């Protein structure tokens, strides 16, 4: 599967607007300097597409997902080719009259069972990867939502909106660049993710 699948999926799971009036106990991770000059109480926005493209966690999860998907697809292809070969060999023997009727019937039934088993395997693996993709999307959505909530403890914006490339699915058609906090959020998200990975290694 391509990278856009998991990225777009995560964007869909992520809430479009984050209410910023809730109190949070934790302080946000340190972020790099931002060009945004929005003051407390402002309505600001960030570009979800840019976040997902530059977020190290999204790229790491996508890499793992693509590796697993590639391995599964290779196994599906291998089994499919073997089934095709077995069917071709069977048909060739039948055409040449090399099998008795009873043996041909037995081998035909065996091929049908192999076909059914193959189809069940394909469906099972597709479901497995769909579920794994959903879990990854949830992980990304939760990480972003939690960071945005912590981020706003310091900045105290009235509302933080998420915009994306599709104008039909975003609440922000256009906005003052000074209210765009994308780069600030991205820097903070990556800094927090690096700390999380370092803590995990210990």
C-alpha atoms as a PDB file:
ATOM      1  CA  UNK A   1       0.000   0.000   0.000  1.00  0.00           C
ATOM      2  CA  UNK A   2       1.110   3.501  -0.651  1.00  0.00           C
ATOM      3  CA  UNK A   3       2.087   6.037   1.930  1.00  0.00           C
ATOM      4  CA  UNK A   4      -0.954   8.208   1.289  1.00  0.00           C
ATOM      5  CA  UNK A   5      -3.303   5.510   2.573  1.00  0.00           C
ATOM      6  CA  UNK A   6      -2.135   5.644   6.146  1.00  0.00           C
ATOM      7  CA  UNK A   7      -1.575   9.388   6.079  1.00  0.00           C
ATOM      8  CA  UNK A   8      -5.024  10.205   4.755  1.00  0.00           C
ATOM      9  CA  UNK A   9      -6.551   7.665   7.074  1.00  0.00           C
ATOM     10  CA  UNK A  10      -4.920   9.230  10.095  1.00  0.00           C
ATOM     11  CA  UNK A  11      -6.090  12.641   9.019  1.00  0.00           C
ATOM     12  CA  UNK A  12      -9.635  11.305   8.833  1.00  0.00           C
ATOM     13  CA  UNK A  13      -9.424   9.837  12.327  1.00  0.00           C
ATOM     14  CA  UNK A  14      -7.998  13.054  13.756  1.00  0.00           C
ATOM     15  CA  UNK A  15     -10.625  15.537  14.949  1.00  0.00           C
ATOM     16  CA  UNK A  16     -11.061  18.486  12.594  1.00  0.00           C
ATOM     17  CA  UNK A  17     -11.322  21.054  15.359  1.00  0.00           C
ATOM     18  CA  UNK A  18      -9.783  20.955  18.828  1.00  0.00           C
ATOM     19  CA  UNK A  19     -11.597  22.815  21.586  1.00  0.00           C
ATOM     20  CA  UNK A  20      -9.091  24.703  23.690  1.00  0.00           C
ATOM     21  CA  UNK A  21     -10.948  25.605  26.871  1.00  0.00           C
ATOM     22  CA  UNK A  22     -10.108  22.451  28.817  1.00  0.00           C
ATOM     23  CA  UNK A  23      -7.502  22.558  31.577  1.00  0.00           C
ATOM     24  CA  UNK A  24      -4.488  20.268  31.142  1.00  0.00           C
ATOM     25  CA  UNK A  25      -2.077  19.219  33.866  1.00  0.00           C
ATOM     26  CA  UNK A  26       0.932  18.502  31.680  1.00  0.00           C
ATOM     27  CA  UNK A  27       3.111  21.156  30.081  1.00  0.00           C
ATOM     28  CA  UNK A  28       3.902  20.958  26.351  1.00  0.00           C
ATOM     29  CA  UNK A  29       7.249  19.845  24.987  1.00  0.00           C
ATOM     30  CA  UNK A  30       9.638  22.594  24.002  1.00  0.00           C
ATOM     31  CA  UNK A  31       9.243  23.708  20.405  1.00  0.00           C
ATOM     32  CA  UNK A  32      11.317  25.660  17.948  1.00  0.00           C
ATOM     33  CA  UNK A  33      10.641  29.312  17.316  1.00  0.00           C
ATOM     34  CA  UNK A  34       7.585  29.940  15.162  1.00  0.00           C
ATOM     35  CA  UNK A  35       6.680  32.704  12.719  1.00  0.00           C
ATOM     36  CA  UNK A  36       3.183  32.680  14.179  1.00  0.00           C
ATOM     37  CA  UNK A  37       2.339  35.807  16.148  1.00  0.00           C
ATOM     38  CA  UNK A  38      -1.116  34.684  17.211  1.00  0.00           C
ATOM     39  CA  UNK A  39      -1.951  35.810  20.713  1.00  0.00           C
ATOM     40  CA  UNK A  40      -3.882  34.015  23.420  1.00  0.00           C
ATOM     41  CA  UNK A  41      -7.563  33.817  22.577  1.00  0.00           C
ATOM     42  CA  UNK A  42      -6.938  33.653  18.810  1.00  0.00           C
ATOM     43  CA  UNK A  43      -8.441  31.073  16.473  1.00  0.00           C
ATOM     44  CA  UNK A  44      -5.486  29.373  14.788  1.00  0.00           C
ATOM     45  CA  UNK A  45      -5.025  26.492  12.388  1.00  0.00           C
ATOM     46  CA  UNK A  46      -2.541  23.909  11.193  1.00  0.00           C
ATOM     47  CA  UNK A  47      -2.162  21.937   7.962  1.00  0.00           C
ATOM     48  CA  UNK A  48      -2.730  18.240   8.622  1.00  0.00           C
ATOM     49  CA  UNK A  49      -1.120  17.192   5.330  1.00  0.00           C
ATOM     50  CA  UNK A  50       2.150  18.928   6.248  1.00  0.00           C
ATOM     51  CA  UNK A  51       2.035  17.489   9.754  1.00  0.00           C
ATOM     52  CA  UNK A  52       1.605  13.950   8.453  1.00  0.00           C
ATOM     53  CA  UNK A  53       4.353  14.384   5.859  1.00  0.00           C
ATOM     54  CA  UNK A  54       6.883  15.744   8.330  1.00  0.00           C
ATOM     55  CA  UNK A  55       5.945  13.878  11.498  1.00  0.00           C
ATOM     56  CA  UNK A  56       8.658  11.315  12.264  1.00  0.00           C
ATOM     57  CA  UNK A  57       6.202   9.018  14.040  1.00  0.00           C
ATOM     58  CA  UNK A  58       3.998   8.902  10.932  1.00  0.00           C
ATOM     59  CA  UNK A  59       6.980   8.102   8.722  1.00  0.00           C
ATOM     60  CA  UNK A  60       8.246   5.383  11.076  1.00  0.00           C
ATOM     61  CA  UNK A  61       4.846   3.720  11.358  1.00  0.00           C
ATOM     62  CA  UNK A  62       4.335   3.942   7.625  1.00  0.00           C
ATOM     63  CA  UNK A  63       7.702   2.292   7.006  1.00  0.00           C
ATOM     64  CA  UNK A  64       6.788  -0.609   9.301  1.00  0.00           C
ATOM     65  CA  UNK A  65       3.380  -0.922   7.663  1.00  0.00           C
ATOM     66  CA  UNK A  66       4.804  -0.952   4.146  1.00  0.00           C
ATOM     67  CA  UNK A  67       7.378  -3.604   5.074  1.00  0.00           C
ATOM     68  CA  UNK A  68       4.701  -5.888   6.517  1.00  0.00           C
ATOM     69  CA  UNK A  69       2.396  -5.272   3.571  1.00  0.00           C
ATOM     70  CA  UNK A  70       5.168  -6.059   1.110  1.00  0.00           C
ATOM     71  CA  UNK A  71       5.954  -9.343   2.887  1.00  0.00           C
ATOM     72  CA  UNK A  72       2.310 -10.392   2.928  1.00  0.00           C
ATOM     73  CA  UNK A  73       1.833  -9.479  -0.733  1.00  0.00           C
ATOM     74  CA  UNK A  74       4.908 -11.524  -1.677  1.00  0.00           C
ATOM     75  CA  UNK A  75       3.475 -14.561   0.120  1.00  0.00           C
ATOM     76  CA  UNK A  76       0.094 -14.062  -1.544  1.00  0.00           C
ATOM     77  CA  UNK A  77       1.805 -13.910  -4.943  1.00  0.00           C
ATOM     78  CA  UNK A  78       3.872 -17.023  -4.189  1.00  0.00           C
ATOM     79  CA  UNK A  79       0.833 -19.048  -3.183  1.00  0.00           C
ATOM     80  CA  UNK A  80      -1.137 -17.768  -6.159  1.00  0.00           C
ATOM     81  CA  UNK A  81       1.565 -18.770  -8.624  1.00  0.00           C
ATOM     82  CA  UNK A  82       1.857 -22.235  -7.068  1.00  0.00           C
ATOM     83  CA  UNK A  83      -1.888 -22.697  -7.362  1.00  0.00           C
ATOM     84  CA  UNK A  84      -1.797 -21.637 -11.015  1.00  0.00           C
ATOM     85  CA  UNK A  85       1.055 -24.054 -11.716  1.00  0.00           C
ATOM     86  CA  UNK A  86      -0.731 -26.954 -10.012  1.00  0.00           C
ATOM     87  CA  UNK A  87      -3.883 -26.215 -12.007  1.00  0.00           C
ATOM     88  CA  UNK A  88      -1.925 -26.003 -15.274  1.00  0.00           C
ATOM     89  CA  UNK A  89      -0.118 -29.281 -14.540  1.00  0.00           C
ATOM     90  CA  UNK A  90      -3.426 -30.978 -13.756  1.00  0.00           C
ATOM     91  CA  UNK A  91      -5.046 -29.720 -16.957  1.00  0.00           C
ATOM     92  CA  UNK A  92      -2.047 -30.817 -18.995  1.00  0.00           C
ATOM     93  CA  UNK A  93      -2.260 -34.374 -17.608  1.00  0.00           C
ATOM     94  CA  UNK A  94      -5.993 -34.496 -18.261  1.00  0.00           C
ATOM     95  CA  UNK A  95      -5.542 -33.290 -21.841  1.00  0.00           C
ATOM     96  CA  UNK A  96      -2.873 -35.943 -22.455  1.00  0.00           C
ATOM     97  CA  UNK A  97      -5.003 -38.672 -20.931  1.00  0.00           C
ATOM     98  CA  UNK A  98      -2.453 -39.425 -18.223  1.00  0.00           C
ATOM     99  CA  UNK A  99      -4.993 -39.722 -15.402  1.00  0.00           C
ATOM    100  CA  UNK A 100      -7.789 -42.132 -14.757  1.00  0.00           C
ATOM    101  CA  UNK A 101     -11.224 -40.684 -14.122  1.00  0.00           C
ATOM    102  CA  UNK A 102     -11.079 -41.437 -10.401  1.00  0.00           C
ATOM    103  CA  UNK A 103      -7.606 -39.934  -9.987  1.00  0.00           C
ATOM    104  CA  UNK A 104      -8.590 -36.869 -12.032  1.00  0.00           C
ATOM    105  CA  UNK A 105     -11.654 -36.343  -9.852  1.00  0.00           C
ATOM    106  CA  UNK A 106      -9.602 -36.659  -6.671  1.00  0.00           C
ATOM    107  CA  UNK A 107      -6.969 -34.204  -7.908  1.00  0.00           C
ATOM    108  CA  UNK A 108      -9.668 -31.804  -9.093  1.00  0.00           C
ATOM    109  CA  UNK A 109     -11.269 -31.803  -5.659  1.00  0.00           C
ATOM    110  CA  UNK A 110      -7.853 -31.206  -4.112  1.00  0.00           C
ATOM    111  CA  UNK A 111      -7.316 -28.207  -6.396  1.00  0.00           C
ATOM    112  CA  UNK A 112     -10.698 -26.821  -5.388  1.00  0.00           C
ATOM    113  CA  UNK A 113      -9.725 -27.116  -1.732  1.00  0.00           C
ATOM    114  CA  UNK A 114      -6.412 -25.385  -2.462  1.00  0.00           C
ATOM    115  CA  UNK A 115      -8.285 -22.584  -4.241  1.00  0.00           C
ATOM    116  CA  UNK A 116     -10.645 -22.133  -1.316  1.00  0.00           C
ATOM    117  CA  UNK A 117      -7.779 -22.169   1.169  1.00  0.00           C
ATOM    118  CA  UNK A 118      -5.928 -19.573  -0.909  1.00  0.00           C
ATOM    119  CA  UNK A 119      -8.921 -17.255  -1.069  1.00  0.00           C
ATOM    120  CA  UNK A 120      -9.448 -17.547   2.692  1.00  0.00           C
ATOM    121  CA  UNK A 121      -5.776 -16.723   3.251  1.00  0.00           C
ATOM    122  CA  UNK A 122      -5.992 -13.617   1.051  1.00  0.00           C
ATOM    123  CA  UNK A 123      -9.130 -12.348   2.805  1.00  0.00           C
ATOM    124  CA  UNK A 124      -7.612 -13.043   6.224  1.00  0.00           C
ATOM    125  CA  UNK A 125      -4.415 -11.142   5.451  1.00  0.00           C
ATOM    126  CA  UNK A 126      -6.311  -8.232   3.940  1.00  0.00           C
ATOM    127  CA  UNK A 127      -8.395  -7.960   7.098  1.00  0.00           C
ATOM    128  CA  UNK A 128      -5.263  -8.232   9.239  1.00  0.00           C
ATOM    129  CA  UNK A 129      -3.564  -5.360   7.427  1.00  0.00           C
ATOM    130  CA  UNK A 130      -6.720  -3.240   7.468  1.00  0.00           C
ATOM    131  CA  UNK A 131      -6.921  -3.657  11.246  1.00  0.00           C
ATOM    132  CA  UNK A 132      -3.230  -2.904  11.663  1.00  0.00           C
ATOM    133  CA  UNK A 133      -3.573   0.201   9.512  1.00  0.00           C
ATOM    134  CA  UNK A 134      -6.479   1.363  11.669  1.00  0.00           C
ATOM    135  CA  UNK A 135      -4.441   0.878  14.837  1.00  0.00           C
ATOM    136  CA  UNK A 136      -1.596   2.937  13.368  1.00  0.00           C
ATOM    137  CA  UNK A 137      -4.009   5.689  12.347  1.00  0.00           C
ATOM    138  CA  UNK A 138      -5.425   5.735  15.867  1.00  0.00           C
ATOM    139  CA  UNK A 139      -1.921   5.955  17.336  1.00  0.00           C
ATOM    140  CA  UNK A 140      -1.117   8.956  15.153  1.00  0.00           C
ATOM    141  CA  UNK A 141      -4.438  10.662  15.808  1.00  0.00           C
ATOM    142  CA  UNK A 142      -4.093  10.196  19.571  1.00  0.00           C
ATOM    143  CA  UNK A 143      -0.493  11.417  19.615  1.00  0.00           C
ATOM    144  CA  UNK A 144      -1.386  14.560  17.681  1.00  0.00           C
ATOM    145  CA  UNK A 145      -4.538  15.287  19.673  1.00  0.00           C
ATOM    146  CA  UNK A 146      -2.750  14.841  23.013  1.00  0.00           C
ATOM    147  CA  UNK A 147       0.140  17.052  21.953  1.00  0.00           C
ATOM    148  CA  UNK A 148      -2.157  19.794  20.655  1.00  0.00           C
ATOM    149  CA  UNK A 149      -4.014  19.800  23.978  1.00  0.00           C
ATOM    150  CA  UNK A 150      -0.735  20.082  25.910  1.00  0.00           C
ATOM    151  CA  UNK A 151       0.600  22.673  23.481  1.00  0.00           C
ATOM    152  CA  UNK A 152      -2.360  24.906  24.135  1.00  0.00           C
ATOM    153  CA  UNK A 153      -1.800  24.957  27.892  1.00  0.00           C
ATOM    154  CA  UNK A 154       0.958  27.476  27.160  1.00  0.00           C
ATOM    155  CA  UNK A 155      -0.557  29.287  24.188  1.00  0.00           C
ATOM    156  CA  UNK A 156      -4.187  29.457  25.327  1.00  0.00           C
ATOM    157  CA  UNK A 157      -5.753  29.752  21.873  1.00  0.00           C
ATOM    158  CA  UNK A 158      -9.543  29.892  21.749  1.00  0.00           C
ATOM    159  CA  UNK A 159      -9.745  27.303  18.971  1.00  0.00           C
ATOM    160  CA  UNK A 160      -7.299  25.246  16.939  1.00  0.00           C
ATOM    161  CA  UNK A 161      -8.529  24.072  13.547  1.00  0.00           C
ATOM    162  CA  UNK A 162      -7.041  21.402  11.309  1.00  0.00           C
ATOM    163  CA  UNK A 163      -6.990  22.034   7.569  1.00  0.00           C
ATOM    164  CA  UNK A 164      -6.172  19.597   4.768  1.00  0.00           C
ATOM    165  CA  UNK A 165      -5.761  19.597   0.995  1.00  0.00           C
ATOM    166  CA  UNK A 166      -9.382  18.772   0.164  1.00  0.00           C
ATOM    167  CA  UNK A 167     -11.394  21.974   0.380  1.00  0.00           C
ATOM    168  CA  UNK A 168     -14.594  19.962   0.880  1.00  0.00           C
ATOM    169  CA  UNK A 169     -13.320  18.308   4.047  1.00  0.00           C
ATOM    170  CA  UNK A 170     -11.685  21.202   5.860  1.00  0.00           C
ATOM    171  CA  UNK A 171     -13.090  24.076   7.915  1.00  0.00           C
ATOM    172  CA  UNK A 172     -10.310  26.429   6.754  1.00  0.00           C
ATOM    173  CA  UNK A 173     -10.443  27.526   3.128  1.00  0.00           C
ATOM    174  CA  UNK A 174      -7.940  30.350   3.616  1.00  0.00           C
ATOM    175  CA  UNK A 175      -6.403  32.126   6.575  1.00  0.00           C
ATOM    176  CA  UNK A 176      -3.846  34.652   7.734  1.00  0.00           C
ATOM    177  CA  UNK A 177      -0.420  32.951   7.600  1.00  0.00           C
ATOM    178  CA  UNK A 178       0.332  34.499  10.976  1.00  0.00           C
ATOM    179  CA  UNK A 179      -2.343  32.241  12.460  1.00  0.00           C
ATOM    180  CA  UNK A 180      -0.785  29.112  10.937  1.00  0.00           C
ATOM    181  CA  UNK A 181       0.898  27.122  13.725  1.00  0.00           C
ATOM    182  CA  UNK A 182       1.824  24.112  11.549  1.00  0.00           C
ATOM    183  CA  UNK A 183       5.605  24.456  11.792  1.00  0.00           C
ATOM    184  CA  UNK A 184       5.494  25.095  15.526  1.00  0.00           C
ATOM    185  CA  UNK A 185       3.342  22.015  16.088  1.00  0.00           C
ATOM    186  CA  UNK A 186       5.503  19.864  13.833  1.00  0.00           C
ATOM    187  CA  UNK A 187       8.676  20.842  15.652  1.00  0.00           C
ATOM    188  CA  UNK A 188       7.063  20.060  18.987  1.00  0.00           C
ATOM    189  CA  UNK A 189       5.604  16.751  17.812  1.00  0.00           C
ATOM    190  CA  UNK A 190       8.971  15.551  16.526  1.00  0.00           C
ATOM    191  CA  UNK A 191      10.773  16.686  19.666  1.00  0.00           C
ATOM    192  CA  UNK A 192       8.260  14.823  21.827  1.00  0.00           C
ATOM    193  CA  UNK A 193       8.524  11.725  19.640  1.00  0.00           C
ATOM    194  CA  UNK A 194      12.314  11.699  19.885  1.00  0.00           C
ATOM    195  CA  UNK A 195      12.063  11.843  23.689  1.00  0.00           C
ATOM    196  CA  UNK A 196       9.575   8.978  23.641  1.00  0.00           C
ATOM    197  CA  UNK A 197      11.902   6.816  21.533  1.00  0.00           C
ATOM    198  CA  UNK A 198      14.881   7.604  23.762  1.00  0.00           C
ATOM    199  CA  UNK A 199      12.869   6.685  26.842  1.00  0.00           C
ATOM    200  CA  UNK A 200      11.771   3.409  25.212  1.00  0.00           C
ATOM    201  CA  UNK A 201      15.381   2.422  24.486  1.00  0.00           C
ATOM    202  CA  UNK A 202      16.422   2.778  28.122  1.00  0.00           C
END
